């Protein structure tokens, strides 16, 4: 039979465990809401852009690019580019971003390949992407994982600390 002292210790341990669990749950909720908040504008822009007409896209580019030159001293900076030049540069930039993404995707593993490399299930790889331990990019319906994050010398087979870096630079690492 447990003594009063032992029962008190067990109750305190249970309270500490419960408090720790609640704190971790709150941290996870905060991290998830921050992650979703940071991605919300990108998702909204993707939805709007995908469904927009060509005329709407041109208007958007014109408005965004014109506002960048408001208030600049023409004597100091010279004449701003024309709307057509701004549109051309904006479209070149978008094309460059797509090209860079394709380059990363070409040098990436599928979730199945990563699972084989790490000796885990495909679901475990997806769970690690979801938790932030691995970087995954969507390519259609597939996950692609850039090879730079895998390291045979690392304890778990991939660079540790990616989740902490993602928390600081979410927009860069979580397209």
N, C-alpha and C. Protein backbone atom coordinates (compact mmCIF):
# COMPACT_ATOMS: atom_id res chain seq x y z
N UNK A 1 0.84 -1.19 0.00
CA UNK A 1 0.00 0.00 0.00
C UNK A 1 0.89 1.25 0.00
N UNK A 2 0.50 2.22 -0.80
CA UNK A 2 1.30 3.43 -0.90
C UNK A 2 1.15 4.29 0.34
N UNK A 3 2.23 4.91 0.69
CA UNK A 3 2.19 5.84 1.81
C UNK A 3 1.64 7.17 1.32
N UNK A 4 1.26 8.01 2.28
CA UNK A 4 0.75 9.34 1.91
C UNK A 4 1.81 10.11 1.16
N UNK A 5 3.05 9.97 1.60
CA UNK A 5 4.15 10.68 0.95
C UNK A 5 4.28 10.24 -0.51
N UNK A 6 4.23 8.91 -0.75
CA UNK A 6 4.35 8.38 -2.10
C UNK A 6 3.16 8.82 -2.96
N UNK A 7 1.97 8.81 -2.39
CA UNK A 7 0.79 9.24 -3.12
C UNK A 7 0.91 10.71 -3.51
N UNK A 8 1.42 11.53 -2.59
CA UNK A 8 1.63 12.95 -2.89
C UNK A 8 2.64 13.15 -4.00
N UNK A 9 3.71 12.36 -3.98
CA UNK A 9 4.73 12.44 -5.04
C UNK A 9 4.12 12.06 -6.38
N UNK A 10 3.34 10.99 -6.38
CA UNK A 10 2.71 10.54 -7.62
C UNK A 10 1.74 11.59 -8.17
N UNK A 11 0.98 12.21 -7.27
CA UNK A 11 0.04 13.25 -7.71
C UNK A 11 0.78 14.44 -8.29
N UNK A 12 1.88 14.84 -7.63
CA UNK A 12 2.67 15.98 -8.14
C UNK A 12 3.29 15.63 -9.50
N UNK A 13 3.78 14.41 -9.63
CA UNK A 13 4.36 13.98 -10.90
C UNK A 13 3.30 13.98 -11.99
N UNK A 14 2.10 13.52 -11.66
CA UNK A 14 1.02 13.50 -12.64
C UNK A 14 0.64 14.92 -13.06
N UNK A 15 0.61 15.84 -12.08
CA UNK A 15 0.30 17.24 -12.40
C UNK A 15 1.37 17.84 -13.31
N UNK A 16 2.65 17.56 -12.99
CA UNK A 16 3.74 18.07 -13.83
C UNK A 16 3.63 17.52 -15.24
N UNK A 17 3.34 16.22 -15.33
CA UNK A 17 3.21 15.58 -16.65
C UNK A 17 2.07 16.23 -17.44
N UNK A 18 0.93 16.45 -16.76
CA UNK A 18 -0.22 17.06 -17.42
C UNK A 18 0.10 18.50 -17.85
N UNK A 19 0.78 19.26 -17.00
CA UNK A 19 1.14 20.64 -17.33
C UNK A 19 2.10 20.67 -18.51
N UNK A 20 3.06 19.75 -18.51
CA UNK A 20 4.02 19.69 -19.61
C UNK A 20 3.31 19.34 -20.91
N UNK A 21 2.42 18.37 -20.85
CA UNK A 21 1.66 17.96 -22.04
C UNK A 21 0.81 19.12 -22.56
N UNK A 22 0.15 19.84 -21.66
CA UNK A 22 -0.67 20.99 -22.06
C UNK A 22 0.18 22.08 -22.68
N UNK A 23 1.36 22.32 -22.10
CA UNK A 23 2.26 23.35 -22.64
C UNK A 23 2.72 22.97 -24.04
N UNK A 24 3.06 21.69 -24.24
CA UNK A 24 3.49 21.24 -25.58
C UNK A 24 2.35 21.36 -26.58
N UNK A 25 1.15 21.05 -26.14
CA UNK A 25 -0.02 21.18 -27.02
C UNK A 25 -0.22 22.64 -27.41
N UNK A 26 -0.11 23.56 -26.42
CA UNK A 26 -0.25 24.99 -26.72
C UNK A 26 0.84 25.44 -27.69
N UNK A 27 2.08 25.00 -27.46
CA UNK A 27 3.18 25.38 -28.36
C UNK A 27 2.91 24.89 -29.77
N UNK A 28 2.43 23.65 -29.90
CA UNK A 28 2.13 23.10 -31.22
C UNK A 28 1.01 23.88 -31.89
N UNK A 29 -0.03 24.26 -31.11
CA UNK A 29 -1.12 25.04 -31.68
C UNK A 29 -0.65 26.42 -32.13
N UNK A 30 0.20 27.04 -31.33
CA UNK A 30 0.74 28.36 -31.69
C UNK A 30 1.59 28.24 -32.95
N UNK A 31 2.45 27.23 -32.99
CA UNK A 31 3.31 27.03 -34.17
C UNK A 31 2.48 26.78 -35.41
N UNK A 32 1.44 25.96 -35.29
CA UNK A 32 0.59 25.64 -36.44
C UNK A 32 -0.16 26.88 -36.90
N UNK A 33 -0.69 27.68 -35.95
CA UNK A 33 -1.43 28.88 -36.37
C UNK A 33 -0.48 29.88 -37.02
N UNK A 34 0.75 29.99 -36.51
CA UNK A 34 1.73 30.89 -37.14
C UNK A 34 2.08 30.39 -38.53
N UNK A 35 2.24 29.08 -38.67
CA UNK A 35 2.58 28.49 -39.96
C UNK A 35 1.46 28.76 -40.96
N UNK A 36 0.21 28.51 -40.54
CA UNK A 36 -0.92 28.75 -41.43
C UNK A 36 -1.11 30.22 -41.72
N UNK A 37 -0.87 31.08 -40.71
CA UNK A 37 -1.00 32.53 -40.92
C UNK A 37 0.02 33.00 -41.94
N UNK A 38 1.26 32.49 -41.85
CA UNK A 38 2.29 32.92 -42.78
C UNK A 38 2.00 32.46 -44.20
N UNK A 39 1.33 31.32 -44.36
CA UNK A 39 1.05 30.80 -45.69
C UNK A 39 -0.26 31.34 -46.27
N UNK A 40 -1.11 31.90 -45.43
CA UNK A 40 -2.43 32.34 -45.88
C UNK A 40 -2.37 33.33 -47.04
N UNK A 41 -1.53 34.38 -46.99
CA UNK A 41 -1.50 35.30 -48.12
C UNK A 41 -1.04 34.62 -49.42
N UNK A 42 -0.10 33.69 -49.29
CA UNK A 42 0.39 32.99 -50.48
C UNK A 42 -0.72 32.14 -51.07
N UNK A 43 -1.44 31.41 -50.22
CA UNK A 43 -2.55 30.58 -50.69
C UNK A 43 -3.62 31.42 -51.36
N UNK A 44 -3.94 32.55 -50.73
CA UNK A 44 -4.96 33.43 -51.28
C UNK A 44 -4.53 33.95 -52.65
N UNK A 45 -3.29 34.38 -52.75
CA UNK A 45 -2.79 34.89 -54.02
C UNK A 45 -2.82 33.78 -55.08
N UNK A 46 -2.42 32.56 -54.71
CA UNK A 46 -2.45 31.45 -55.67
C UNK A 46 -3.88 31.20 -56.17
N UNK A 47 -4.85 31.21 -55.24
CA UNK A 47 -6.24 30.98 -55.63
C UNK A 47 -6.74 32.08 -56.55
N UNK A 48 -6.46 33.31 -56.18
CA UNK A 48 -6.92 34.44 -56.98
C UNK A 48 -6.24 34.43 -58.35
N UNK A 49 -4.93 34.22 -58.36
CA UNK A 49 -4.16 34.25 -59.60
C UNK A 49 -4.62 33.15 -60.54
N UNK A 50 -4.85 31.94 -60.02
CA UNK A 50 -5.25 30.82 -60.84
C UNK A 50 -6.59 31.07 -61.51
N UNK A 51 -7.51 31.69 -60.78
CA UNK A 51 -8.83 31.92 -61.33
C UNK A 51 -9.00 33.24 -62.05
N UNK A 52 -7.97 34.06 -62.08
CA UNK A 52 -8.09 35.41 -62.65
C UNK A 52 -7.98 35.38 -64.18
N UNK A 53 -8.65 36.33 -64.80
CA UNK A 53 -8.54 36.49 -66.25
C UNK A 53 -7.21 37.16 -66.58
N UNK A 54 -6.81 37.08 -67.82
CA UNK A 54 -5.55 37.72 -68.25
C UNK A 54 -5.60 39.22 -68.00
N UNK A 55 -6.76 39.82 -68.24
CA UNK A 55 -6.91 41.27 -68.02
C UNK A 55 -6.70 41.61 -66.55
N UNK A 56 -7.28 40.79 -65.67
CA UNK A 56 -7.12 41.02 -64.23
C UNK A 56 -5.67 40.88 -63.81
N UNK A 57 -4.98 39.89 -64.38
CA UNK A 57 -3.57 39.69 -64.05
C UNK A 57 -2.74 40.90 -64.48
N UNK A 58 -3.02 41.41 -65.67
CA UNK A 58 -2.28 42.57 -66.17
C UNK A 58 -2.55 43.79 -65.29
N UNK A 59 -3.80 43.98 -64.88
CA UNK A 59 -4.15 45.10 -64.01
C UNK A 59 -3.43 44.98 -62.67
N UNK A 60 -3.42 43.78 -62.12
CA UNK A 60 -2.73 43.54 -60.85
C UNK A 60 -1.24 43.90 -60.97
N UNK A 61 -0.60 43.40 -61.99
CA UNK A 61 0.83 43.67 -62.18
C UNK A 61 1.07 45.17 -62.33
N UNK A 62 0.20 45.85 -63.07
CA UNK A 62 0.36 47.29 -63.27
C UNK A 62 0.21 48.04 -61.94
N UNK A 63 -0.77 47.68 -61.15
CA UNK A 63 -1.00 48.37 -59.88
C UNK A 63 0.16 48.13 -58.93
N UNK A 64 0.59 46.90 -58.81
CA UNK A 64 1.68 46.57 -57.90
C UNK A 64 2.97 47.25 -58.33
N UNK A 65 3.27 47.18 -59.60
CA UNK A 65 4.54 47.74 -60.05
C UNK A 65 4.54 49.27 -60.03
N UNK A 66 3.41 49.92 -60.26
CA UNK A 66 3.36 51.38 -60.24
C UNK A 66 3.57 51.92 -58.83
N UNK A 67 3.03 51.23 -57.84
CA UNK A 67 3.12 51.74 -56.47
C UNK A 67 4.55 51.74 -55.96
N UNK A 68 5.43 50.96 -56.56
CA UNK A 68 6.82 50.90 -56.11
C UNK A 68 7.56 52.20 -56.44
N UNK A 69 7.05 53.00 -57.36
CA UNK A 69 7.75 54.20 -57.79
C UNK A 69 7.13 55.49 -57.26
N UNK A 70 6.12 55.39 -56.46
CA UNK A 70 5.47 56.58 -55.91
C UNK A 70 6.46 57.36 -55.05
N UNK A 71 6.57 58.64 -55.34
CA UNK A 71 7.35 59.53 -54.49
C UNK A 71 8.85 59.52 -54.72
N UNK A 72 9.36 58.77 -55.70
CA UNK A 72 10.80 58.78 -55.95
C UNK A 72 11.18 60.05 -56.70
N UNK A 73 12.31 60.60 -56.36
CA UNK A 73 12.82 61.82 -56.99
C UNK A 73 13.33 61.48 -58.40
N UNK A 74 12.65 62.01 -59.42
CA UNK A 74 13.00 61.72 -60.80
C UNK A 74 14.40 62.24 -61.13
N UNK A 75 14.79 63.40 -60.54
CA UNK A 75 16.12 63.95 -60.80
C UNK A 75 17.21 63.02 -60.26
N UNK A 76 16.92 62.37 -59.16
CA UNK A 76 17.91 61.48 -58.55
C UNK A 76 17.89 60.08 -59.18
N UNK A 77 16.70 59.52 -59.40
CA UNK A 77 16.56 58.14 -59.84
C UNK A 77 16.28 58.00 -61.33
N UNK A 78 15.93 59.08 -62.00
CA UNK A 78 15.59 58.98 -63.41
C UNK A 78 14.14 58.59 -63.59
N UNK A 79 13.74 58.53 -64.82
CA UNK A 79 12.35 58.19 -65.14
C UNK A 79 12.08 56.72 -64.78
N UNK A 80 10.93 56.46 -64.21
CA UNK A 80 10.59 55.06 -63.90
C UNK A 80 10.31 54.29 -65.19
N UNK A 81 10.43 52.99 -65.13
CA UNK A 81 10.13 52.20 -66.33
C UNK A 81 8.65 52.32 -66.69
N UNK A 82 8.35 52.09 -67.93
CA UNK A 82 6.95 52.16 -68.39
C UNK A 82 6.17 50.97 -67.82
N UNK A 83 4.86 51.07 -67.83
CA UNK A 83 4.05 49.94 -67.35
C UNK A 83 4.37 48.63 -68.09
N UNK A 84 4.62 48.75 -69.39
CA UNK A 84 4.95 47.54 -70.16
C UNK A 84 6.29 46.96 -69.72
N UNK A 85 7.28 47.83 -69.44
CA UNK A 85 8.58 47.35 -68.96
C UNK A 85 8.44 46.69 -67.58
N UNK A 86 7.63 47.30 -66.71
CA UNK A 86 7.41 46.73 -65.37
C UNK A 86 6.73 45.37 -65.47
N UNK A 87 5.75 45.28 -66.36
CA UNK A 87 5.04 44.01 -66.55
C UNK A 87 6.02 42.95 -67.06
N UNK A 88 6.84 43.33 -68.01
CA UNK A 88 7.81 42.40 -68.57
C UNK A 88 8.76 41.87 -67.50
N UNK A 89 9.25 42.78 -66.66
CA UNK A 89 10.18 42.38 -65.58
C UNK A 89 9.46 41.49 -64.58
N UNK A 90 8.22 41.83 -64.23
CA UNK A 90 7.45 41.01 -63.28
C UNK A 90 7.24 39.60 -63.82
N UNK A 91 6.91 39.49 -65.09
CA UNK A 91 6.71 38.18 -65.69
C UNK A 91 8.02 37.40 -65.78
N UNK A 92 9.12 38.09 -66.07
CA UNK A 92 10.44 37.42 -66.08
C UNK A 92 10.77 36.89 -64.69
N UNK A 93 10.46 37.65 -63.67
CA UNK A 93 10.73 37.22 -62.30
C UNK A 93 9.92 35.99 -61.94
N UNK A 94 8.65 36.00 -62.32
CA UNK A 94 7.80 34.83 -62.05
C UNK A 94 8.34 33.61 -62.79
N UNK A 95 8.73 33.79 -64.05
CA UNK A 95 9.29 32.67 -64.82
C UNK A 95 10.57 32.14 -64.17
N UNK A 96 11.39 33.04 -63.65
CA UNK A 96 12.62 32.64 -62.98
C UNK A 96 12.32 31.83 -61.71
N UNK A 97 11.31 32.27 -60.97
CA UNK A 97 10.93 31.53 -59.76
C UNK A 97 10.43 30.13 -60.10
N UNK A 98 9.64 30.00 -61.17
CA UNK A 98 9.18 28.68 -61.59
C UNK A 98 10.36 27.82 -62.03
N UNK A 99 11.30 28.43 -62.73
CA UNK A 99 12.49 27.69 -63.18
C UNK A 99 13.31 27.19 -62.00
N UNK A 100 13.48 28.04 -60.99
CA UNK A 100 14.22 27.62 -59.79
C UNK A 100 13.51 26.48 -59.08
N UNK A 101 12.20 26.57 -58.99
CA UNK A 101 11.43 25.50 -58.35
C UNK A 101 11.61 24.19 -59.11
N UNK A 102 11.56 24.25 -60.43
CA UNK A 102 11.77 23.05 -61.25
C UNK A 102 13.16 22.45 -61.01
N UNK A 103 14.16 23.31 -60.87
CA UNK A 103 15.51 22.84 -60.60
C UNK A 103 15.57 22.10 -59.27
N UNK A 104 14.92 22.65 -58.25
CA UNK A 104 14.89 21.98 -56.95
C UNK A 104 14.13 20.67 -57.05
N UNK A 105 13.00 20.66 -57.76
CA UNK A 105 12.22 19.44 -57.90
C UNK A 105 13.01 18.36 -58.64
N UNK A 106 13.80 18.76 -59.64
CA UNK A 106 14.61 17.80 -60.38
C UNK A 106 15.64 17.12 -59.49
N UNK A 107 16.09 17.83 -58.46
CA UNK A 107 17.11 17.29 -57.55
C UNK A 107 16.48 16.84 -56.23
N UNK A 108 15.24 16.39 -56.28
CA UNK A 108 14.52 15.99 -55.08
C UNK A 108 14.15 14.52 -55.15
N UNK A 109 13.88 13.96 -53.98
CA UNK A 109 13.44 12.58 -53.86
C UNK A 109 11.93 12.53 -53.70
N UNK A 110 11.33 11.45 -54.15
CA UNK A 110 9.92 11.24 -53.85
C UNK A 110 9.82 10.80 -52.39
N UNK A 111 8.63 10.83 -51.84
CA UNK A 111 8.43 10.38 -50.45
C UNK A 111 8.82 8.91 -50.33
N UNK A 112 8.54 8.13 -51.34
CA UNK A 112 8.89 6.72 -51.33
C UNK A 112 10.41 6.52 -51.33
N UNK A 113 11.11 7.29 -52.15
CA UNK A 113 12.57 7.20 -52.18
C UNK A 113 13.18 7.62 -50.84
N UNK A 114 12.64 8.69 -50.26
CA UNK A 114 13.13 9.15 -48.95
C UNK A 114 12.87 8.09 -47.88
N UNK A 115 11.69 7.47 -47.94
CA UNK A 115 11.36 6.42 -46.96
C UNK A 115 12.36 5.27 -47.06
N UNK A 116 12.70 4.87 -48.28
CA UNK A 116 13.68 3.81 -48.46
C UNK A 116 15.05 4.20 -47.93
N UNK A 117 15.43 5.42 -48.17
CA UNK A 117 16.72 5.92 -47.70
C UNK A 117 16.80 5.95 -46.18
N UNK A 118 15.71 6.37 -45.54
CA UNK A 118 15.68 6.51 -44.08
C UNK A 118 15.23 5.22 -43.37
N UNK A 119 14.84 4.20 -44.14
CA UNK A 119 14.35 2.93 -43.58
C UNK A 119 13.12 3.15 -42.69
N UNK A 120 12.18 3.94 -43.21
CA UNK A 120 10.92 4.19 -42.53
C UNK A 120 9.80 4.06 -43.56
N UNK A 121 8.57 4.15 -43.10
CA UNK A 121 7.43 4.08 -44.02
C UNK A 121 7.23 5.42 -44.73
N UNK A 122 6.49 5.39 -45.80
CA UNK A 122 6.14 6.62 -46.52
C UNK A 122 5.33 7.53 -45.60
N UNK A 123 4.46 6.94 -44.78
CA UNK A 123 3.67 7.74 -43.84
C UNK A 123 4.57 8.44 -42.83
N UNK A 124 5.63 7.77 -42.39
CA UNK A 124 6.57 8.40 -41.45
C UNK A 124 7.25 9.61 -42.10
N UNK A 125 7.55 9.51 -43.39
CA UNK A 125 8.14 10.65 -44.12
C UNK A 125 7.13 11.78 -44.17
N UNK A 126 5.88 11.47 -44.49
CA UNK A 126 4.83 12.51 -44.53
C UNK A 126 4.66 13.16 -43.16
N UNK A 127 4.71 12.34 -42.11
CA UNK A 127 4.59 12.87 -40.75
C UNK A 127 5.74 13.82 -40.45
N UNK A 128 6.94 13.49 -40.90
CA UNK A 128 8.11 14.36 -40.66
C UNK A 128 8.02 15.64 -41.47
N UNK A 129 7.41 15.57 -42.63
CA UNK A 129 7.17 16.80 -43.41
C UNK A 129 6.18 17.67 -42.64
N UNK A 130 5.10 17.05 -42.18
CA UNK A 130 4.06 17.78 -41.46
C UNK A 130 4.59 18.40 -40.16
N UNK A 131 5.48 17.68 -39.46
CA UNK A 131 6.02 18.19 -38.20
C UNK A 131 7.11 19.24 -38.43
N UNK A 132 7.61 19.32 -39.66
CA UNK A 132 8.64 20.31 -39.95
C UNK A 132 10.05 19.77 -39.91
N UNK A 133 10.22 18.48 -39.60
CA UNK A 133 11.56 17.89 -39.56
C UNK A 133 12.17 17.75 -40.94
N UNK A 134 11.33 17.62 -41.96
CA UNK A 134 11.79 17.54 -43.34
C UNK A 134 11.07 18.60 -44.17
N UNK A 135 11.75 19.08 -45.19
CA UNK A 135 11.17 20.03 -46.13
C UNK A 135 10.57 19.24 -47.29
N UNK A 136 9.32 19.48 -47.57
CA UNK A 136 8.66 18.83 -48.69
C UNK A 136 7.98 19.85 -49.58
N UNK A 137 8.09 19.64 -50.86
CA UNK A 137 7.43 20.51 -51.84
C UNK A 137 6.39 19.68 -52.57
N UNK A 138 5.23 20.25 -52.77
CA UNK A 138 4.20 19.55 -53.52
C UNK A 138 4.51 19.65 -55.01
N UNK A 139 4.44 18.52 -55.68
CA UNK A 139 4.59 18.45 -57.12
C UNK A 139 3.38 17.68 -57.63
N UNK A 140 2.32 18.41 -57.94
CA UNK A 140 1.06 17.75 -58.24
C UNK A 140 0.52 17.13 -56.96
N UNK A 141 0.32 15.82 -56.98
CA UNK A 141 -0.20 15.12 -55.80
C UNK A 141 0.92 14.46 -55.00
N UNK A 142 2.15 14.61 -55.44
CA UNK A 142 3.29 13.98 -54.78
C UNK A 142 4.06 14.96 -53.91
N UNK A 143 4.70 14.41 -52.89
CA UNK A 143 5.67 15.19 -52.12
C UNK A 143 7.03 14.93 -52.72
N UNK A 144 7.81 16.01 -52.86
CA UNK A 144 9.21 15.91 -53.29
C UNK A 144 10.06 16.52 -52.19
N UNK A 145 11.16 15.85 -51.86
CA UNK A 145 12.02 16.27 -50.75
C UNK A 145 13.40 16.61 -51.29
N UNK A 146 13.82 17.89 -51.19
CA UNK A 146 15.14 18.29 -51.69
C UNK A 146 16.25 17.45 -51.02
N UNK A 147 17.22 17.02 -51.84
CA UNK A 147 18.26 16.11 -51.34
C UNK A 147 19.21 16.77 -50.35
N UNK A 148 19.34 18.07 -50.34
CA UNK A 148 20.32 18.73 -49.47
C UNK A 148 20.06 18.48 -47.99
N UNK A 149 18.83 18.08 -47.63
CA UNK A 149 18.52 17.89 -46.21
C UNK A 149 18.87 16.50 -45.69
N UNK A 150 19.25 15.58 -46.57
CA UNK A 150 19.59 14.23 -46.15
C UNK A 150 21.09 14.14 -45.90
N UNK A 151 21.44 13.42 -44.82
CA UNK A 151 22.85 13.30 -44.43
C UNK A 151 23.06 11.93 -43.78
N UNK A 152 23.84 11.10 -44.41
CA UNK A 152 24.08 9.75 -43.90
C UNK A 152 24.76 9.76 -42.54
N UNK A 153 25.48 10.83 -42.23
CA UNK A 153 26.19 10.92 -40.95
C UNK A 153 25.28 11.36 -39.80
N UNK A 154 24.13 11.92 -40.12
CA UNK A 154 23.22 12.40 -39.08
C UNK A 154 22.53 11.22 -38.39
N UNK A 155 22.20 11.41 -37.13
CA UNK A 155 21.60 10.34 -36.33
C UNK A 155 20.33 9.78 -36.96
N UNK A 156 19.47 10.66 -37.46
CA UNK A 156 18.19 10.22 -38.03
C UNK A 156 18.20 10.21 -39.55
N UNK A 157 19.36 10.48 -40.16
CA UNK A 157 19.47 10.43 -41.61
C UNK A 157 19.20 11.74 -42.32
N UNK A 158 18.88 12.77 -41.56
CA UNK A 158 18.64 14.08 -42.16
C UNK A 158 19.15 15.15 -41.20
N UNK A 159 19.37 16.33 -41.73
CA UNK A 159 19.93 17.42 -40.95
C UNK A 159 18.99 17.76 -39.79
N UNK A 160 19.50 17.74 -38.57
CA UNK A 160 18.64 18.09 -37.43
C UNK A 160 18.40 19.60 -37.36
N UNK A 161 17.29 20.00 -36.80
CA UNK A 161 17.03 21.41 -36.56
C UNK A 161 16.29 22.13 -37.67
N UNK A 162 15.87 21.41 -38.70
CA UNK A 162 15.16 22.07 -39.80
C UNK A 162 13.87 22.72 -39.30
N UNK A 163 13.18 22.06 -38.38
CA UNK A 163 11.93 22.61 -37.85
C UNK A 163 12.17 23.97 -37.19
N UNK A 164 13.29 24.11 -36.47
CA UNK A 164 13.59 25.40 -35.83
C UNK A 164 13.89 26.47 -36.87
N UNK A 165 14.59 26.10 -37.93
CA UNK A 165 14.89 27.05 -39.00
C UNK A 165 13.59 27.46 -39.70
N UNK A 166 12.71 26.50 -39.93
CA UNK A 166 11.43 26.81 -40.59
C UNK A 166 10.60 27.78 -39.77
N UNK A 167 10.72 27.70 -38.45
CA UNK A 167 9.96 28.61 -37.59
C UNK A 167 10.43 30.06 -37.77
N UNK A 168 11.72 30.23 -38.10
CA UNK A 168 12.29 31.56 -38.27
C UNK A 168 12.09 32.07 -39.69
N UNK A 169 12.22 31.17 -40.69
CA UNK A 169 12.12 31.55 -42.09
C UNK A 169 11.03 30.74 -42.80
N UNK A 170 9.77 30.83 -42.37
CA UNK A 170 8.74 29.97 -42.94
C UNK A 170 8.47 30.20 -44.42
N UNK A 171 8.48 31.44 -44.86
CA UNK A 171 8.14 31.72 -46.26
C UNK A 171 9.23 31.23 -47.20
N UNK A 172 10.48 31.21 -46.74
CA UNK A 172 11.58 30.78 -47.59
C UNK A 172 11.59 29.27 -47.75
N UNK A 173 11.37 28.56 -46.65
CA UNK A 173 11.48 27.11 -46.68
C UNK A 173 10.17 26.38 -46.88
N UNK A 174 9.09 27.08 -46.83
CA UNK A 174 7.79 26.44 -46.96
C UNK A 174 6.97 27.09 -48.05
N UNK A 175 7.32 26.84 -49.27
CA UNK A 175 6.60 27.48 -50.37
C UNK A 175 5.17 27.03 -50.46
